[in-house]
N, C-alpha and C. Protein backbone atom coordinates (compact mmCIF):
# COMPACT_ATOMS: atom_id res chain seq x y z
N MET A 1 7.56 13.74 4.63
CA MET A 1 8.35 12.54 4.72
C MET A 1 8.09 11.68 3.49
N SER A 2 9.09 11.47 2.71
CA SER A 2 8.94 10.71 1.48
C SER A 2 9.12 9.22 1.74
N VAL A 3 8.10 8.46 1.32
CA VAL A 3 8.09 7.02 1.48
C VAL A 3 8.02 6.41 0.08
N VAL A 4 8.82 5.38 -0.17
CA VAL A 4 8.79 4.67 -1.45
C VAL A 4 7.76 3.55 -1.34
N VAL A 5 6.83 3.53 -2.29
CA VAL A 5 5.80 2.49 -2.32
C VAL A 5 6.03 1.62 -3.55
N ARG A 6 6.25 0.35 -3.32
CA ARG A 6 6.42 -0.61 -4.43
C ARG A 6 5.04 -1.07 -4.87
N ILE A 7 4.78 -0.92 -6.17
CA ILE A 7 3.48 -1.21 -6.74
C ILE A 7 3.51 -2.59 -7.41
N PRO A 8 2.58 -3.47 -7.05
CA PRO A 8 2.56 -4.80 -7.68
C PRO A 8 2.08 -4.70 -9.13
N THR A 9 2.48 -5.65 -9.93
CA THR A 9 2.13 -5.66 -11.35
C THR A 9 0.64 -5.44 -11.61
N PRO A 10 -0.29 -6.10 -10.90
CA PRO A 10 -1.70 -5.90 -11.21
C PRO A 10 -2.20 -4.45 -11.02
N LEU A 11 -1.50 -3.66 -10.22
CA LEU A 11 -1.93 -2.28 -9.96
C LEU A 11 -1.15 -1.25 -10.76
N ARG A 12 -0.17 -1.67 -11.52
CA ARG A 12 0.68 -0.71 -12.25
C ARG A 12 -0.06 0.03 -13.35
N ARG A 13 -1.16 -0.52 -13.83
CA ARG A 13 -1.92 0.21 -14.85
C ARG A 13 -2.50 1.49 -14.25
N MET A 14 -2.68 1.50 -12.93
CA MET A 14 -3.20 2.70 -12.25
C MET A 14 -2.11 3.76 -12.07
N THR A 15 -0.85 3.32 -12.07
CA THR A 15 0.27 4.25 -11.87
C THR A 15 1.02 4.51 -13.18
N ASN A 16 0.34 4.29 -14.29
CA ASN A 16 0.95 4.49 -15.61
C ASN A 16 2.20 3.64 -15.80
N GLY A 17 2.17 2.42 -15.26
CA GLY A 17 3.26 1.48 -15.43
C GLY A 17 4.40 1.59 -14.43
N LYS A 18 4.32 2.55 -13.52
CA LYS A 18 5.41 2.71 -12.54
C LYS A 18 5.41 1.56 -11.54
N ASP A 19 6.60 1.03 -11.28
CA ASP A 19 6.71 -0.05 -10.31
C ASP A 19 6.93 0.45 -8.89
N LYS A 20 7.25 1.73 -8.75
CA LYS A 20 7.33 2.35 -7.44
C LYS A 20 7.04 3.84 -7.57
N VAL A 21 6.44 4.37 -6.53
CA VAL A 21 6.12 5.79 -6.47
C VAL A 21 6.54 6.31 -5.10
N GLU A 22 6.72 7.60 -5.00
CA GLU A 22 7.05 8.22 -3.72
C GLU A 22 5.88 9.06 -3.27
N VAL A 23 5.53 8.94 -2.00
CA VAL A 23 4.46 9.74 -1.42
C VAL A 23 4.94 10.31 -0.10
N ASP A 24 4.34 11.41 0.31
CA ASP A 24 4.61 12.00 1.61
C ASP A 24 3.50 11.55 2.55
N SER A 25 3.88 10.88 3.63
CA SER A 25 2.87 10.42 4.57
C SER A 25 3.49 10.22 5.94
N SER A 26 2.66 10.35 6.96
CA SER A 26 3.12 10.13 8.33
C SER A 26 2.72 8.75 8.86
N ASN A 27 1.75 8.13 8.16
CA ASN A 27 1.35 6.77 8.51
C ASN A 27 0.76 6.10 7.27
N LEU A 28 0.41 4.84 7.39
CA LEU A 28 -0.06 4.10 6.22
C LEU A 28 -1.42 4.57 5.74
N SER A 29 -2.26 5.02 6.63
CA SER A 29 -3.56 5.54 6.24
C SER A 29 -3.38 6.79 5.36
N ALA A 30 -2.49 7.67 5.76
CA ALA A 30 -2.19 8.87 4.95
C ALA A 30 -1.57 8.46 3.62
N MET A 31 -0.77 7.42 3.61
CA MET A 31 -0.17 6.93 2.37
C MET A 31 -1.25 6.50 1.39
N VAL A 32 -2.25 5.75 1.90
CA VAL A 32 -3.34 5.30 1.05
C VAL A 32 -4.10 6.51 0.49
N ASP A 33 -4.33 7.52 1.33
CA ASP A 33 -5.02 8.73 0.87
C ASP A 33 -4.21 9.46 -0.20
N GLU A 34 -2.90 9.52 -0.03
CA GLU A 34 -2.03 10.16 -1.03
C GLU A 34 -2.07 9.39 -2.35
N LEU A 35 -2.03 8.07 -2.26
CA LEU A 35 -2.11 7.25 -3.48
C LEU A 35 -3.45 7.49 -4.18
N GLU A 36 -4.52 7.57 -3.40
CA GLU A 36 -5.85 7.81 -3.97
C GLU A 36 -5.90 9.18 -4.66
N GLY A 37 -5.27 10.18 -4.05
CA GLY A 37 -5.26 11.52 -4.64
C GLY A 37 -4.53 11.56 -5.96
N SER A 38 -3.46 10.82 -6.06
CA SER A 38 -2.67 10.80 -7.30
C SER A 38 -3.19 9.79 -8.32
N TYR A 39 -3.77 8.71 -7.81
CA TYR A 39 -4.22 7.61 -8.67
C TYR A 39 -5.62 7.19 -8.24
N PRO A 40 -6.64 7.93 -8.68
CA PRO A 40 -8.02 7.64 -8.25
C PRO A 40 -8.40 6.17 -8.46
N GLY A 41 -9.05 5.61 -7.45
CA GLY A 41 -9.46 4.21 -7.49
C GLY A 41 -8.51 3.29 -6.73
N PHE A 42 -7.34 3.80 -6.39
CA PHE A 42 -6.33 2.99 -5.71
C PHE A 42 -6.83 2.52 -4.35
N LYS A 43 -7.47 3.43 -3.62
CA LYS A 43 -7.95 3.12 -2.27
C LYS A 43 -8.93 1.94 -2.28
N ASP A 44 -9.83 1.92 -3.27
CA ASP A 44 -10.80 0.83 -3.37
C ASP A 44 -10.13 -0.52 -3.59
N ARG A 45 -8.97 -0.52 -4.20
CA ARG A 45 -8.25 -1.77 -4.44
C ARG A 45 -7.60 -2.30 -3.16
N LEU A 46 -7.31 -1.40 -2.22
CA LEU A 46 -6.60 -1.79 -1.00
C LEU A 46 -7.51 -1.99 0.20
N LEU A 47 -8.56 -1.17 0.30
CA LEU A 47 -9.40 -1.17 1.49
C LEU A 47 -10.81 -1.65 1.18
N ASP A 48 -11.44 -2.29 2.18
CA ASP A 48 -12.83 -2.73 2.01
C ASP A 48 -13.78 -1.59 2.37
N GLU A 49 -15.07 -1.88 2.39
CA GLU A 49 -16.08 -0.85 2.66
C GLU A 49 -16.02 -0.32 4.09
N ASN A 50 -15.33 -1.01 4.98
CA ASN A 50 -15.16 -0.55 6.36
C ASN A 50 -13.85 0.20 6.57
N GLY A 51 -13.09 0.39 5.49
CA GLY A 51 -11.82 1.10 5.60
C GLY A 51 -10.68 0.25 6.11
N GLU A 52 -10.88 -1.06 6.13
CA GLU A 52 -9.84 -1.99 6.57
C GLU A 52 -9.15 -2.60 5.36
N LEU A 53 -7.91 -3.07 5.56
CA LEU A 53 -7.20 -3.74 4.47
C LEU A 53 -8.00 -4.93 3.97
N ARG A 54 -8.11 -5.04 2.66
CA ARG A 54 -8.78 -6.21 2.10
C ARG A 54 -8.00 -7.45 2.49
N TYR A 55 -8.70 -8.55 2.70
CA TYR A 55 -8.05 -9.77 3.20
C TYR A 55 -7.01 -10.33 2.23
N PHE A 56 -7.15 -10.00 0.95
CA PHE A 56 -6.20 -10.53 -0.04
C PHE A 56 -5.08 -9.55 -0.37
N VAL A 57 -4.98 -8.45 0.38
CA VAL A 57 -3.91 -7.48 0.18
C VAL A 57 -3.01 -7.49 1.41
N ASN A 58 -1.73 -7.63 1.18
CA ASN A 58 -0.74 -7.56 2.26
C ASN A 58 0.12 -6.33 2.04
N ILE A 59 0.37 -5.61 3.12
CA ILE A 59 1.25 -4.45 3.04
C ILE A 59 2.39 -4.66 4.03
N TYR A 60 3.59 -4.43 3.54
CA TYR A 60 4.79 -4.59 4.35
C TYR A 60 5.51 -3.25 4.46
N LEU A 61 5.91 -2.90 5.65
CA LEU A 61 6.71 -1.71 5.89
C LEU A 61 8.10 -2.17 6.26
N ASN A 62 9.05 -1.90 5.38
CA ASN A 62 10.44 -2.33 5.59
C ASN A 62 10.51 -3.83 5.90
N GLY A 63 9.70 -4.59 5.19
CA GLY A 63 9.73 -6.05 5.32
C GLY A 63 8.84 -6.62 6.42
N GLU A 64 8.20 -5.77 7.22
CA GLU A 64 7.34 -6.24 8.31
C GLU A 64 5.87 -6.13 7.90
N ASP A 65 5.12 -7.21 8.09
CA ASP A 65 3.70 -7.22 7.79
C ASP A 65 2.99 -6.24 8.72
N VAL A 66 2.28 -5.24 8.16
CA VAL A 66 1.65 -4.21 8.98
C VAL A 66 0.52 -4.76 9.84
N ARG A 67 0.00 -5.93 9.50
CA ARG A 67 -1.04 -6.53 10.34
C ARG A 67 -0.48 -6.90 11.71
N PHE A 68 0.83 -7.08 11.80
CA PHE A 68 1.46 -7.40 13.08
C PHE A 68 2.06 -6.15 13.73
N LEU A 69 1.89 -5.01 13.07
CA LEU A 69 2.31 -3.73 13.64
C LEU A 69 1.04 -3.02 14.09
N ASP A 70 0.80 -1.82 13.59
CA ASP A 70 -0.41 -1.07 13.95
C ASP A 70 -1.36 -0.93 12.78
N GLY A 71 -1.30 -1.86 11.83
CA GLY A 71 -2.20 -1.80 10.68
C GLY A 71 -2.04 -0.49 9.93
N LEU A 72 -3.15 0.13 9.55
CA LEU A 72 -3.10 1.38 8.80
C LEU A 72 -2.63 2.55 9.65
N ASP A 73 -2.60 2.38 10.97
CA ASP A 73 -2.10 3.43 11.86
C ASP A 73 -0.59 3.36 12.04
N THR A 74 0.06 2.40 11.39
CA THR A 74 1.51 2.26 11.49
C THR A 74 2.19 3.52 10.99
N THR A 75 3.07 4.07 11.79
CA THR A 75 3.81 5.29 11.47
C THR A 75 4.86 5.01 10.40
N THR A 76 5.01 5.96 9.49
CA THR A 76 6.06 5.86 8.48
C THR A 76 7.05 6.99 8.67
N SER A 77 8.26 6.76 8.22
CA SER A 77 9.33 7.76 8.32
C SER A 77 9.96 7.94 6.95
N SER A 78 10.58 9.07 6.75
CA SER A 78 11.25 9.34 5.49
C SER A 78 12.26 8.24 5.19
N GLY A 79 12.23 7.73 3.97
CA GLY A 79 13.14 6.68 3.56
C GLY A 79 12.57 5.28 3.72
N ASP A 80 11.42 5.16 4.37
CA ASP A 80 10.80 3.84 4.52
C ASP A 80 10.39 3.29 3.16
N GLU A 81 10.30 1.97 3.09
CA GLU A 81 9.84 1.31 1.87
C GLU A 81 8.60 0.49 2.21
N VAL A 82 7.55 0.74 1.45
CA VAL A 82 6.29 0.03 1.63
C VAL A 82 6.08 -0.85 0.40
N SER A 83 5.75 -2.11 0.65
CA SER A 83 5.46 -3.04 -0.45
C SER A 83 4.02 -3.47 -0.34
N ILE A 84 3.30 -3.34 -1.45
CA ILE A 84 1.92 -3.83 -1.54
C ILE A 84 2.00 -5.17 -2.27
N VAL A 85 1.51 -6.21 -1.61
CA VAL A 85 1.62 -7.55 -2.17
C VAL A 85 0.25 -8.22 -2.17
N PRO A 86 -0.31 -8.45 -3.36
CA PRO A 86 -1.57 -9.17 -3.39
C PRO A 86 -1.33 -10.63 -3.01
N ALA A 87 -2.28 -11.21 -2.28
CA ALA A 87 -2.16 -12.60 -1.89
C ALA A 87 -2.20 -13.48 -3.13
N VAL A 88 -1.44 -14.55 -3.07
CA VAL A 88 -1.37 -15.47 -4.20
C VAL A 88 -2.01 -16.79 -3.77
N ALA A 89 -2.95 -17.23 -4.57
CA ALA A 89 -3.60 -18.52 -4.28
C ALA A 89 -3.13 -19.52 -5.32
N GLY A 90 -3.12 -20.72 -4.95
CA GLY A 90 -2.67 -21.73 -5.91
C GLY A 90 -2.90 -23.11 -5.34
N GLY A 91 -2.35 -24.02 -6.02
CA GLY A 91 -2.50 -25.39 -5.57
C GLY A 91 -2.95 -26.26 -6.72
N ARG A 92 -3.38 -27.41 -6.37
CA ARG A 92 -3.77 -28.36 -7.40
C ARG A 92 -5.24 -28.44 -7.53
């Protein structure tokens, strides 16, 4: 099942500048493993030492925040679009 993953600018150096890549995965955990296989070090950018999403990384599946779905166990289907969005801090 091919899933399109949108890569944020800070991580594009890991994907040789690609803003999106396609991976075969049945859920988000498998997607992270596929990204790690193709782009070593990617997993460390997304997951903490306990294998959970880092607090400053947001992942959306077809526009839905996966933290409100099944997290990394969220099922993916062919044609789905996953967006990785680093949290943005700001203010005065």
